């Protein structure tokens, strides 16, 4: 039997990322630690962070800088900055990774799948033909073909 080791998943499985602190706010408040926090880009109203527990290689999160979990709490400038950030992030992923499609969306509330309920964030997940296989179904394992740090460097270099 072959084994696929993914020890970084234990942080997610054990819930260690849910320390009560908002990781988006922590990243937004510490520009000096952008590489450590996997912040791809930021402006006054929005921030883009690589997902540490990605559904697929290149999975990005785009969020308002201001903490809040409801779409209705966003003002017009924040809504505009978020959508512009989604467009720019998609274009960046196209340049760097050449995906054949994307899943873009958000989960509102824990029941809907939100892992971070109190800070609204959009997911951008690049997709390729054939990027699904038997591993998630039979082995409850997702194979990620690239290290987060390698992809981070490529994304940031293309801004």
N, C-alpha and C. Protein backbone atom coordinates (compact mmCIF):
# COMPACT_ATOMS: atom_id res chain seq x y z
N UNK A 1 0.83 -1.17 0.00
CA UNK A 1 0.00 0.00 0.00
C UNK A 1 0.89 1.24 0.00
N UNK A 2 0.56 2.20 -0.85
CA UNK A 2 1.28 3.46 -0.87
C UNK A 2 0.60 4.45 0.05
N UNK A 3 1.39 5.36 0.62
CA UNK A 3 0.85 6.37 1.52
C UNK A 3 1.14 7.75 0.96
N UNK A 4 0.16 8.60 1.09
CA UNK A 4 0.32 10.00 0.72
C UNK A 4 0.29 10.80 2.01
N UNK A 5 1.41 11.44 2.34
CA UNK A 5 1.50 12.17 3.58
C UNK A 5 1.11 13.62 3.36
N UNK A 6 0.23 14.13 4.20
CA UNK A 6 -0.18 15.53 4.16
C UNK A 6 -0.31 16.04 5.59
N UNK A 7 0.81 16.14 6.33
CA UNK A 7 0.74 16.49 7.74
C UNK A 7 0.18 17.89 8.01
N UNK A 8 0.26 18.79 7.05
CA UNK A 8 -0.29 20.14 7.24
C UNK A 8 -1.79 20.10 7.44
N UNK A 9 -2.48 19.03 6.99
CA UNK A 9 -3.93 18.91 7.15
C UNK A 9 -4.36 18.78 8.61
N UNK A 10 -3.47 18.33 9.50
CA UNK A 10 -3.85 18.15 10.90
C UNK A 10 -4.25 19.48 11.54
N UNK A 11 -3.65 20.57 11.14
CA UNK A 11 -4.04 21.88 11.66
C UNK A 11 -5.52 22.12 11.38
N UNK A 12 -5.93 21.80 10.18
CA UNK A 12 -7.34 21.96 9.80
C UNK A 12 -8.23 20.96 10.53
N UNK A 13 -7.82 19.70 10.54
CA UNK A 13 -8.62 18.64 11.17
C UNK A 13 -8.82 18.91 12.66
N UNK A 14 -7.77 19.34 13.33
CA UNK A 14 -7.86 19.60 14.77
C UNK A 14 -8.52 20.93 15.09
N UNK A 15 -8.80 21.74 14.07
CA UNK A 15 -9.45 23.01 14.31
C UNK A 15 -8.52 24.07 14.86
N UNK A 16 -7.22 23.88 14.71
CA UNK A 16 -6.27 24.83 15.26
C UNK A 16 -6.36 26.20 14.61
N UNK A 17 -6.93 26.29 13.41
CA UNK A 17 -7.07 27.59 12.75
C UNK A 17 -8.24 28.37 13.33
N UNK A 18 -9.08 27.73 14.12
CA UNK A 18 -10.25 28.38 14.68
C UNK A 18 -9.95 28.79 16.12
N UNK A 19 -8.95 29.62 16.31
CA UNK A 19 -8.51 30.01 17.64
C UNK A 19 -9.35 31.14 18.21
N UNK A 20 -10.40 31.53 17.52
CA UNK A 20 -11.20 32.65 17.97
C UNK A 20 -10.74 33.95 17.34
N UNK A 21 -9.60 33.95 16.71
CA UNK A 21 -9.08 35.14 16.04
C UNK A 21 -9.40 35.04 14.56
N UNK A 22 -9.72 36.14 13.95
CA UNK A 22 -10.02 36.18 12.52
C UNK A 22 -8.70 36.26 11.75
N UNK A 23 -8.40 35.22 10.98
CA UNK A 23 -7.12 35.20 10.25
C UNK A 23 -7.09 36.27 9.15
N UNK A 24 -8.25 36.67 8.63
CA UNK A 24 -8.26 37.73 7.61
C UNK A 24 -7.90 39.07 8.25
N UNK A 25 -8.50 39.37 9.40
CA UNK A 25 -8.17 40.61 10.11
C UNK A 25 -6.71 40.63 10.54
N UNK A 26 -6.21 39.48 11.01
CA UNK A 26 -4.80 39.39 11.42
C UNK A 26 -3.89 39.69 10.23
N UNK A 27 -4.20 39.12 9.09
CA UNK A 27 -3.39 39.36 7.88
C UNK A 27 -3.53 40.81 7.41
N UNK A 28 -4.74 41.33 7.44
CA UNK A 28 -4.97 42.70 6.97
C UNK A 28 -4.24 43.72 7.85
N UNK A 29 -4.09 43.39 9.13
CA UNK A 29 -3.47 44.32 10.06
C UNK A 29 -1.96 44.23 10.15
N UNK A 30 -1.34 43.35 9.36
CA UNK A 30 0.10 43.14 9.47
C UNK A 30 0.75 43.05 8.09
N UNK A 31 0.86 44.19 7.38
CA UNK A 31 1.44 44.17 6.03
C UNK A 31 2.88 43.64 5.97
N UNK A 32 3.61 43.75 7.06
CA UNK A 32 5.00 43.27 7.09
C UNK A 32 5.06 41.74 7.00
N UNK A 33 3.94 41.07 7.31
CA UNK A 33 3.93 39.60 7.31
C UNK A 33 3.13 39.05 6.13
N UNK A 34 3.04 39.79 5.03
CA UNK A 34 2.24 39.34 3.89
C UNK A 34 2.67 37.97 3.37
N UNK A 35 3.95 37.72 3.26
CA UNK A 35 4.40 36.42 2.75
C UNK A 35 4.03 35.30 3.71
N UNK A 36 4.23 35.50 5.00
CA UNK A 36 3.88 34.48 5.99
C UNK A 36 2.38 34.24 6.03
N UNK A 37 1.59 35.29 5.80
CA UNK A 37 0.13 35.17 5.81
C UNK A 37 -0.44 34.84 4.43
N UNK A 38 0.42 34.66 3.44
CA UNK A 38 0.03 34.33 2.06
C UNK A 38 -0.89 35.39 1.45
N UNK A 39 -0.66 36.67 1.80
CA UNK A 39 -1.41 37.78 1.21
C UNK A 39 -0.84 38.04 -0.18
N UNK A 40 -1.68 37.86 -1.18
CA UNK A 40 -1.26 38.04 -2.57
C UNK A 40 -1.28 39.52 -2.94
N UNK A 41 -2.35 40.21 -2.58
CA UNK A 41 -2.45 41.65 -2.79
C UNK A 41 -3.39 42.25 -1.75
N UNK A 42 -3.31 43.55 -1.62
CA UNK A 42 -4.18 44.27 -0.69
C UNK A 42 -4.35 45.70 -1.18
N UNK A 43 -5.46 46.30 -0.80
CA UNK A 43 -5.65 47.74 -0.95
C UNK A 43 -6.38 48.22 0.29
N UNK A 44 -6.87 49.45 0.30
CA UNK A 44 -7.51 49.99 1.51
C UNK A 44 -8.79 49.26 1.88
N UNK A 45 -9.48 48.66 0.90
CA UNK A 45 -10.80 48.09 1.14
C UNK A 45 -10.89 46.57 1.00
N UNK A 46 -9.94 45.96 0.31
CA UNK A 46 -10.03 44.52 0.04
C UNK A 46 -8.66 43.88 0.16
N UNK A 47 -8.68 42.57 0.34
CA UNK A 47 -7.44 41.80 0.50
C UNK A 47 -7.63 40.44 -0.16
N UNK A 48 -6.56 39.91 -0.73
CA UNK A 48 -6.59 38.58 -1.35
C UNK A 48 -5.54 37.71 -0.66
N UNK A 49 -6.00 36.55 -0.15
CA UNK A 49 -5.15 35.64 0.59
C UNK A 49 -5.26 34.25 -0.02
N UNK A 50 -4.14 33.55 -0.11
CA UNK A 50 -4.18 32.15 -0.54
C UNK A 50 -4.84 31.32 0.56
N UNK A 51 -5.68 30.38 0.19
CA UNK A 51 -6.31 29.49 1.14
C UNK A 51 -5.28 28.46 1.61
N UNK A 52 -5.07 28.37 2.92
CA UNK A 52 -4.11 27.41 3.48
C UNK A 52 -4.61 25.97 3.39
N UNK A 53 -5.92 25.80 3.21
CA UNK A 53 -6.54 24.48 3.11
C UNK A 53 -7.35 24.43 1.82
N UNK A 54 -6.65 24.49 0.68
CA UNK A 54 -7.32 24.70 -0.61
C UNK A 54 -8.13 23.51 -1.10
N UNK A 55 -9.21 23.82 -1.80
CA UNK A 55 -9.97 22.80 -2.51
C UNK A 55 -9.21 22.35 -3.74
N UNK A 56 -8.44 23.26 -4.30
CA UNK A 56 -7.67 22.99 -5.51
C UNK A 56 -6.46 23.91 -5.48
N UNK A 57 -5.43 23.57 -6.20
CA UNK A 57 -4.25 24.40 -6.30
C UNK A 57 -4.64 25.79 -6.81
N UNK A 58 -4.17 26.84 -6.15
CA UNK A 58 -4.47 28.19 -6.58
C UNK A 58 -5.71 28.79 -5.93
N UNK A 59 -6.31 28.13 -4.98
CA UNK A 59 -7.53 28.58 -4.31
C UNK A 59 -7.25 29.87 -3.54
N UNK A 60 -7.92 30.96 -3.95
CA UNK A 60 -7.74 32.27 -3.32
C UNK A 60 -8.99 32.69 -2.56
N UNK A 61 -8.79 33.54 -1.56
CA UNK A 61 -9.88 34.16 -0.82
C UNK A 61 -9.78 35.67 -1.03
N UNK A 62 -10.89 36.30 -1.41
CA UNK A 62 -10.94 37.75 -1.57
C UNK A 62 -11.97 38.27 -0.57
N UNK A 63 -11.55 39.20 0.28
CA UNK A 63 -12.39 39.65 1.39
C UNK A 63 -12.31 41.16 1.55
N UNK A 64 -13.33 41.74 2.17
CA UNK A 64 -13.20 43.13 2.57
C UNK A 64 -12.20 43.21 3.71
N UNK A 65 -11.50 44.32 3.81
CA UNK A 65 -10.57 44.51 4.92
C UNK A 65 -11.36 44.63 6.23
N UNK A 66 -12.47 45.32 6.18
CA UNK A 66 -13.28 45.53 7.38
C UNK A 66 -13.98 44.24 7.77
N UNK A 67 -13.92 43.92 9.04
CA UNK A 67 -14.53 42.70 9.57
C UNK A 67 -16.05 42.80 9.52
N UNK A 68 -16.67 41.77 8.99
CA UNK A 68 -18.13 41.69 8.94
C UNK A 68 -18.55 40.47 8.16
N UNK A 69 -19.64 39.84 8.58
CA UNK A 69 -20.04 38.58 7.96
C UNK A 69 -21.26 38.66 7.07
N UNK A 70 -21.79 39.84 6.86
CA UNK A 70 -23.02 39.98 6.07
C UNK A 70 -22.79 40.86 4.85
N UNK A 71 -23.34 40.45 3.72
CA UNK A 71 -23.21 41.25 2.50
C UNK A 71 -23.81 42.63 2.68
N UNK A 72 -24.93 42.72 3.41
CA UNK A 72 -25.60 44.00 3.61
C UNK A 72 -24.82 44.99 4.43
N UNK A 73 -23.78 44.53 5.10
CA UNK A 73 -22.94 45.43 5.90
C UNK A 73 -21.92 46.17 5.04
N UNK A 74 -21.72 45.73 3.81
CA UNK A 74 -20.73 46.36 2.94
C UNK A 74 -21.29 47.64 2.35
N UNK A 75 -20.46 48.67 2.28
CA UNK A 75 -20.89 49.89 1.58
C UNK A 75 -20.55 49.75 0.09
N UNK A 76 -20.98 50.71 -0.68
CA UNK A 76 -20.80 50.64 -2.15
C UNK A 76 -19.33 50.54 -2.54
N UNK A 77 -18.48 51.29 -1.85
CA UNK A 77 -17.04 51.25 -2.18
C UNK A 77 -16.46 49.87 -1.90
N UNK A 78 -16.86 49.24 -0.80
CA UNK A 78 -16.36 47.89 -0.49
C UNK A 78 -16.87 46.87 -1.49
N UNK A 79 -18.14 46.98 -1.88
CA UNK A 79 -18.68 46.05 -2.88
C UNK A 79 -17.93 46.20 -4.20
N UNK A 80 -17.67 47.42 -4.58
CA UNK A 80 -16.94 47.67 -5.82
C UNK A 80 -15.51 47.13 -5.73
N UNK A 81 -14.85 47.36 -4.60
CA UNK A 81 -13.48 46.88 -4.42
C UNK A 81 -13.43 45.35 -4.43
N UNK A 82 -14.42 44.71 -3.83
CA UNK A 82 -14.47 43.24 -3.83
C UNK A 82 -14.63 42.69 -5.23
N UNK A 83 -15.56 43.24 -5.99
CA UNK A 83 -15.77 42.72 -7.33
C UNK A 83 -14.56 42.98 -8.21
N UNK A 84 -13.97 44.17 -8.11
CA UNK A 84 -12.76 44.47 -8.88
C UNK A 84 -11.64 43.50 -8.47
N UNK A 85 -11.56 43.19 -7.17
CA UNK A 85 -10.55 42.25 -6.68
C UNK A 85 -10.77 40.85 -7.21
N UNK A 86 -12.03 40.44 -7.32
CA UNK A 86 -12.34 39.13 -7.89
C UNK A 86 -11.89 39.07 -9.35
N UNK A 87 -12.19 40.12 -10.09
CA UNK A 87 -11.81 40.18 -11.51
C UNK A 87 -10.29 40.14 -11.65
N UNK A 88 -9.60 40.95 -10.85
CA UNK A 88 -8.13 41.00 -10.92
C UNK A 88 -7.50 39.67 -10.48
N UNK A 89 -8.05 39.05 -9.46
CA UNK A 89 -7.50 37.78 -8.98
C UNK A 89 -7.71 36.67 -10.00
N UNK A 90 -8.86 36.66 -10.64
CA UNK A 90 -9.11 35.68 -11.69
C UNK A 90 -8.11 35.87 -12.83
N UNK A 91 -7.89 37.11 -13.22
CA UNK A 91 -6.93 37.40 -14.30
C UNK A 91 -5.51 36.96 -13.90
N UNK A 92 -5.14 37.17 -12.64
CA UNK A 92 -3.83 36.75 -12.17
C UNK A 92 -3.68 35.23 -12.24
N UNK A 93 -4.70 34.51 -11.79
CA UNK A 93 -4.65 33.05 -11.87
C UNK A 93 -4.59 32.57 -13.32
N UNK A 94 -5.28 33.26 -14.21
CA UNK A 94 -5.23 32.89 -15.64
C UNK A 94 -3.81 33.06 -16.18
N UNK A 95 -3.14 34.16 -15.82
CA UNK A 95 -1.78 34.41 -16.29
C UNK A 95 -0.80 33.38 -15.75
N UNK A 96 -0.93 33.05 -14.48
CA UNK A 96 0.06 32.21 -13.82
C UNK A 96 -0.21 30.72 -14.02
N UNK A 97 -1.49 30.32 -14.02
CA UNK A 97 -1.82 28.90 -13.97
C UNK A 97 -2.57 28.36 -15.17
N UNK A 98 -3.11 29.22 -16.01
CA UNK A 98 -3.87 28.83 -17.20
C UNK A 98 -4.96 27.79 -16.92
N UNK A 99 -5.83 28.05 -15.92
CA UNK A 99 -6.92 27.10 -15.67
C UNK A 99 -7.94 27.13 -16.81
N UNK A 100 -8.73 26.08 -16.88
CA UNK A 100 -9.76 25.97 -17.93
C UNK A 100 -11.12 26.43 -17.44
N UNK A 101 -11.24 26.74 -16.17
CA UNK A 101 -12.49 27.22 -15.59
C UNK A 101 -12.27 27.65 -14.15
N UNK A 102 -13.32 28.15 -13.53
CA UNK A 102 -13.25 28.63 -12.15
C UNK A 102 -14.55 28.33 -11.42
N UNK A 103 -14.44 28.09 -10.13
CA UNK A 103 -15.57 28.18 -9.22
C UNK A 103 -15.34 29.45 -8.42
N UNK A 104 -16.35 30.33 -8.41
CA UNK A 104 -16.27 31.57 -7.64
C UNK A 104 -17.53 31.67 -6.81
N UNK A 105 -17.38 31.89 -5.50
CA UNK A 105 -18.56 32.00 -4.67
C UNK A 105 -18.21 32.28 -3.22
N UNK A 106 -19.26 32.34 -2.39
CA UNK A 106 -19.08 32.53 -0.97
C UNK A 106 -20.07 31.68 -0.20
N UNK A 107 -19.71 31.33 1.00
CA UNK A 107 -20.56 30.55 1.88
C UNK A 107 -21.02 31.47 3.01
N UNK A 108 -22.32 31.65 3.14
CA UNK A 108 -22.86 32.53 4.17
C UNK A 108 -23.46 31.68 5.29
N UNK A 109 -22.78 31.65 6.43
CA UNK A 109 -23.23 30.88 7.57
C UNK A 109 -22.57 29.51 7.63
N UNK A 110 -22.43 29.01 8.85
CA UNK A 110 -21.77 27.71 9.05
C UNK A 110 -22.51 26.59 8.32
N UNK A 111 -23.85 26.64 8.33
CA UNK A 111 -24.64 25.60 7.67
C UNK A 111 -24.36 25.56 6.17
N UNK A 112 -24.02 26.70 5.60
CA UNK A 112 -23.71 26.78 4.17
C UNK A 112 -22.26 26.42 3.87
N UNK A 113 -21.49 26.12 4.90
CA UNK A 113 -20.11 25.69 4.68
C UNK A 113 -19.06 26.71 5.05
N UNK A 114 -19.45 27.85 5.62
CA UNK A 114 -18.46 28.86 5.99
C UNK A 114 -17.61 28.38 7.15
N UNK A 115 -16.31 28.32 6.93
CA UNK A 115 -15.39 27.97 8.00
C UNK A 115 -15.09 29.18 8.87
N UNK A 116 -15.14 30.35 8.29
CA UNK A 116 -14.97 31.62 8.99
C UNK A 116 -16.28 32.38 8.79
N UNK A 117 -17.14 32.32 9.77
CA UNK A 117 -18.51 32.83 9.63
C UNK A 117 -18.56 34.35 9.70
N UNK A 118 -17.72 34.96 10.52
CA UNK A 118 -17.87 36.38 10.84
C UNK A 118 -17.11 37.34 9.93
N UNK A 119 -16.40 36.82 8.94
CA UNK A 119 -15.71 37.72 8.00
C UNK A 119 -16.01 37.23 6.59
N UNK A 120 -16.86 37.95 5.91
CA UNK A 120 -17.27 37.63 4.54
C UNK A 120 -16.04 37.46 3.65
N UNK A 121 -16.03 36.43 2.84
CA UNK A 121 -14.92 36.23 1.90
C UNK A 121 -15.40 35.38 0.72
N UNK A 122 -14.94 35.73 -0.44
CA UNK A 122 -15.22 34.99 -1.66
C UNK A 122 -14.10 33.99 -1.92
N UNK A 123 -14.47 32.86 -2.48
CA UNK A 123 -13.52 31.84 -2.89
C UNK A 123 -13.37 31.91 -4.41
N UNK A 124 -12.14 31.84 -4.89
CA UNK A 124 -11.87 31.68 -6.32
C UNK A 124 -11.05 30.41 -6.44
N UNK A 125 -11.62 29.41 -7.09
CA UNK A 125 -10.97 28.11 -7.21
C UNK A 125 -10.74 27.80 -8.68
N UNK A 126 -9.47 27.79 -9.13
CA UNK A 126 -9.19 27.42 -10.51
C UNK A 126 -9.48 25.94 -10.75
N UNK A 127 -9.94 25.63 -11.95
CA UNK A 127 -10.30 24.25 -12.29
C UNK A 127 -9.69 23.87 -13.64
N UNK A 128 -9.39 22.60 -13.77
CA UNK A 128 -8.86 22.04 -15.01
C UNK A 128 -9.65 20.79 -15.35
N UNK A 129 -9.76 20.50 -16.63
CA UNK A 129 -10.37 19.23 -17.02
C UNK A 129 -9.60 18.10 -16.36
N UNK A 130 -10.31 17.20 -15.72
CA UNK A 130 -9.67 16.05 -15.09
C UNK A 130 -9.03 16.33 -13.75
N UNK A 131 -9.34 17.48 -13.12
CA UNK A 131 -8.68 17.78 -11.83
C UNK A 131 -9.32 17.05 -10.65
N UNK A 132 -10.33 16.27 -10.91
CA UNK A 132 -10.88 15.42 -9.86
C UNK A 132 -10.51 13.98 -10.16
N UNK A 133 -10.36 13.20 -9.11
CA UNK A 133 -10.02 11.80 -9.27
C UNK A 133 -10.60 11.01 -8.11
N UNK A 134 -10.19 9.79 -7.96
CA UNK A 134 -10.76 8.91 -6.95
C UNK A 134 -10.28 9.21 -5.53
N UNK A 135 -9.20 9.95 -5.37
CA UNK A 135 -8.62 10.16 -4.04
C UNK A 135 -9.60 10.79 -3.04
N UNK A 136 -10.30 11.88 -3.39
CA UNK A 136 -11.23 12.45 -2.41
C UNK A 136 -12.38 11.51 -2.08
N UNK A 137 -12.81 10.71 -3.04
CA UNK A 137 -13.95 9.83 -2.82
C UNK A 137 -13.56 8.61 -2.01
N UNK A 138 -12.50 7.93 -2.41
CA UNK A 138 -12.11 6.68 -1.75
C UNK A 138 -11.16 6.89 -0.57
N UNK A 139 -10.28 7.87 -0.70
CA UNK A 139 -9.27 8.04 0.32
C UNK A 139 -9.46 9.25 1.21
N UNK A 140 -10.54 10.02 0.98
CA UNK A 140 -10.78 11.24 1.73
C UNK A 140 -9.52 12.11 1.75
N UNK A 141 -8.86 12.17 0.59
CA UNK A 141 -7.60 12.88 0.45
C UNK A 141 -7.60 13.66 -0.85
N UNK A 142 -7.16 14.90 -0.81
CA UNK A 142 -7.00 15.71 -2.01
C UNK A 142 -5.51 15.84 -2.28
N UNK A 143 -5.09 15.50 -3.46
CA UNK A 143 -3.69 15.59 -3.85
C UNK A 143 -3.43 16.99 -4.39
N UNK A 144 -2.51 17.70 -3.77
CA UNK A 144 -2.15 19.04 -4.20
C UNK A 144 -0.78 18.97 -4.89
N UNK A 145 -0.69 19.34 -6.16
CA UNK A 145 0.54 19.12 -6.90
C UNK A 145 1.62 20.19 -6.71
N UNK A 146 1.34 21.23 -5.92
CA UNK A 146 2.30 22.32 -5.80
C UNK A 146 2.28 22.87 -4.38
N UNK A 147 3.44 23.19 -3.84
CA UNK A 147 3.53 23.77 -2.50
C UNK A 147 2.96 25.18 -2.52
N UNK A 148 2.29 25.56 -1.42
CA UNK A 148 1.71 26.90 -1.32
C UNK A 148 2.77 27.98 -1.52
N UNK A 149 3.94 27.80 -0.93
CA UNK A 149 4.99 28.82 -1.03
C UNK A 149 5.47 29.00 -2.47
N UNK A 150 5.56 27.93 -3.24
CA UNK A 150 5.97 28.04 -4.65
C UNK A 150 4.96 28.83 -5.46
N UNK A 151 3.68 28.50 -5.27
CA UNK A 151 2.64 29.21 -6.01
C UNK A 151 2.55 30.66 -5.54
N UNK A 152 2.67 30.90 -4.26
CA UNK A 152 2.66 32.28 -3.73
C UNK A 152 3.70 33.12 -4.46
N UNK A 153 4.92 32.64 -4.54
CA UNK A 153 6.00 33.38 -5.22
C UNK A 153 5.64 33.67 -6.67
N UNK A 154 5.05 32.71 -7.37
CA UNK A 154 4.67 32.93 -8.77
C UNK A 154 3.56 33.96 -8.89
N UNK A 155 2.56 33.89 -8.02
CA UNK A 155 1.46 34.86 -8.08
C UNK A 155 1.94 36.28 -7.82
N UNK A 156 2.69 36.44 -6.75
CA UNK A 156 3.16 37.78 -6.37
C UNK A 156 4.10 38.35 -7.42
N UNK A 157 4.87 37.52 -8.07
CA UNK A 157 5.80 38.02 -9.09
C UNK A 157 5.08 38.52 -10.34
N UNK A 158 3.83 38.14 -10.51
CA UNK A 158 3.06 38.54 -11.70
C UNK A 158 2.13 39.72 -11.47
N UNK A 159 2.19 40.32 -10.29
CA UNK A 159 1.35 41.50 -10.01
C UNK A 159 1.87 42.72 -10.69
